[in-house]
Amino acid sequence: MKNKLLALGVGGTILAALCCFTPILPVVLTALGLTGLLGVVYSDAVLLPILAGFLILTGYAIWRQKTQK
């Protein structure tokens, strides 16, 4: 389970970082036909807390892995 938690944390962090710092989210939402969501989702008030949450999850998974050895 700990490897799954770490994989989720790292994968989410990478995805959130890509959406924060590159224009990948508008391209994906446009391809899906969901351009109406750009004003709501594509803002720093939404993406940065998601990035912070995944960073905390990654740190917790690493800490948990080290303490269980």
C-alpha atoms as a PDB file:
ATOM      1  CA  MET A   1       0.000   0.000   0.000  1.00  0.00           C
ATOM      2  CA  LYS A   2       2.787   2.427   0.773  1.00  0.00           C
ATOM      3  CA  ASN A   3       4.082   2.204  -2.779  1.00  0.00           C
ATOM      4  CA  LYS A   4       0.606   3.030  -4.099  1.00  0.00           C
ATOM      5  CA  LEU A   5       0.412   6.042  -1.804  1.00  0.00           C
ATOM      6  CA  LEU A   6       3.802   7.255  -2.976  1.00  0.00           C
ATOM      7  CA  ALA A   7       2.880   6.692  -6.629  1.00  0.00           C
ATOM      8  CA  LEU A   8      -0.357   8.626  -6.176  1.00  0.00           C
ATOM      9  CA  GLY A   9       1.473  11.489  -4.476  1.00  0.00           C
ATOM     10  CA  VAL A  10       4.223  11.733  -7.086  1.00  0.00           C
ATOM     11  CA  GLY A  11       1.828  11.340 -10.016  1.00  0.00           C
ATOM     12  CA  GLY A  12      -0.538  13.962  -8.639  1.00  0.00           C
ATOM     13  CA  THR A  13       2.315  16.343  -7.938  1.00  0.00           C
ATOM     14  CA  ILE A  14       3.641  16.025 -11.485  1.00  0.00           C
ATOM     15  CA  LEU A  15       0.179  16.470 -12.991  1.00  0.00           C
ATOM     16  CA  ALA A  16      -0.635  19.474 -10.814  1.00  0.00           C
ATOM     17  CA  ALA A  17       2.744  21.065 -11.566  1.00  0.00           C
ATOM     18  CA  LEU A  18       2.185  20.600 -15.299  1.00  0.00           C
ATOM     19  CA  CYS A  19      -1.235  22.205 -15.040  1.00  0.00           C
ATOM     20  CA  CYS A  20       0.110  25.093 -12.947  1.00  0.00           C
ATOM     21  CA  PHE A  21       3.148  26.008 -14.973  1.00  0.00           C
ATOM     22  CA  THR A  22       2.337  24.978 -18.551  1.00  0.00           C
ATOM     23  CA  PRO A  23      -0.734  25.505 -20.699  1.00  0.00           C
ATOM     24  CA  ILE A  24      -1.620  21.806 -20.722  1.00  0.00           C
ATOM     25  CA  LEU A  25      -4.921  22.222 -18.872  1.00  0.00           C
ATOM     26  CA  PRO A  26      -6.535  24.585 -21.414  1.00  0.00           C
ATOM     27  CA  VAL A  27      -5.477  22.272 -24.246  1.00  0.00           C
ATOM     28  CA  VAL A  28      -6.949  19.203 -22.537  1.00  0.00           C
ATOM     29  CA  LEU A  29     -10.182  20.960 -21.566  1.00  0.00           C
ATOM     30  CA  THR A  30     -10.564  22.305 -25.096  1.00  0.00           C
ATOM     31  CA  ALA A  31     -10.022  18.850 -26.547  1.00  0.00           C
ATOM     32  CA  LEU A  32     -12.705  17.467 -24.241  1.00  0.00           C
ATOM     33  CA  GLY A  33     -15.126  20.263 -25.107  1.00  0.00           C
ATOM     34  CA  LEU A  34     -15.104  21.671 -21.590  1.00  0.00           C
ATOM     35  CA  THR A  35     -13.795  25.179 -22.284  1.00  0.00           C
ATOM     36  CA  GLY A  36     -16.483  26.643 -20.048  1.00  0.00           C
ATOM     37  CA  LEU A  37     -14.596  25.308 -17.044  1.00  0.00           C
ATOM     38  CA  LEU A  38     -11.411  27.238 -17.824  1.00  0.00           C
ATOM     39  CA  GLY A  39     -12.441  30.292 -15.843  1.00  0.00           C
ATOM     40  CA  VAL A  40     -13.192  28.209 -12.769  1.00  0.00           C
ATOM     41  CA  VAL A  41     -10.468  25.577 -12.787  1.00  0.00           C
ATOM     42  CA  TYR A  42      -7.544  27.360 -14.426  1.00  0.00           C
ATOM     43  CA  SER A  43      -6.700  29.741 -11.621  1.00  0.00           C
ATOM     44  CA  ASP A  44      -4.014  29.760  -8.993  1.00  0.00           C
ATOM     45  CA  ALA A  45      -6.645  29.722  -6.245  1.00  0.00           C
ATOM     46  CA  VAL A  46      -7.579  26.174  -7.302  1.00  0.00           C
ATOM     47  CA  LEU A  47      -4.387  24.666  -8.706  1.00  0.00           C
ATOM     48  CA  LEU A  48      -1.859  25.762  -6.082  1.00  0.00           C
ATOM     49  CA  PRO A  49      -3.731  24.201  -3.119  1.00  0.00           C
ATOM     50  CA  ILE A  50      -4.076  20.980  -5.130  1.00  0.00           C
ATOM     51  CA  LEU A  51      -0.318  21.048  -5.786  1.00  0.00           C
ATOM     52  CA  ALA A  52       0.376  21.679  -2.099  1.00  0.00           C
ATOM     53  CA  GLY A  53      -1.886  18.800  -1.088  1.00  0.00           C
ATOM     54  CA  PHE A  54      -0.118  16.364  -3.386  1.00  0.00           C
ATOM     55  CA  LEU A  55       3.278  17.563  -2.138  1.00  0.00           C
ATOM     56  CA  ILE A  56       2.161  16.927   1.445  1.00  0.00           C
ATOM     57  CA  LEU A  57       0.866  13.486   0.438  1.00  0.00           C
ATOM     58  CA  THR A  58       4.199  12.664  -1.195  1.00  0.00           C
ATOM     59  CA  GLY A  59       6.115  13.793   1.877  1.00  0.00           C
ATOM     60  CA  TYR A  60       3.858  11.727   4.133  1.00  0.00           C
ATOM     61  CA  ALA A  61       4.330   8.634   1.957  1.00  0.00           C
ATOM     62  CA  ILE A  62       8.115   9.031   2.034  1.00  0.00           C
ATOM     63  CA  TRP A  63       8.095   9.590   5.803  1.00  0.00           C
ATOM     64  CA  ARG A  64       5.862   6.559   6.339  1.00  0.00           C
ATOM     65  CA  GLN A  65       8.090   4.399   4.158  1.00  0.00           C
ATOM     66  CA  LYS A  66      11.200   5.392   6.137  1.00  0.00           C
ATOM     67  CA  THR A  67       9.612   4.816   9.541  1.00  0.00           C
ATOM     68  CA  GLN A  68       8.304   1.337   8.693  1.00  0.00           C
ATOM     69  CA  LYS A  69      11.707  -0.061   7.737  1.00  0.00           C
END
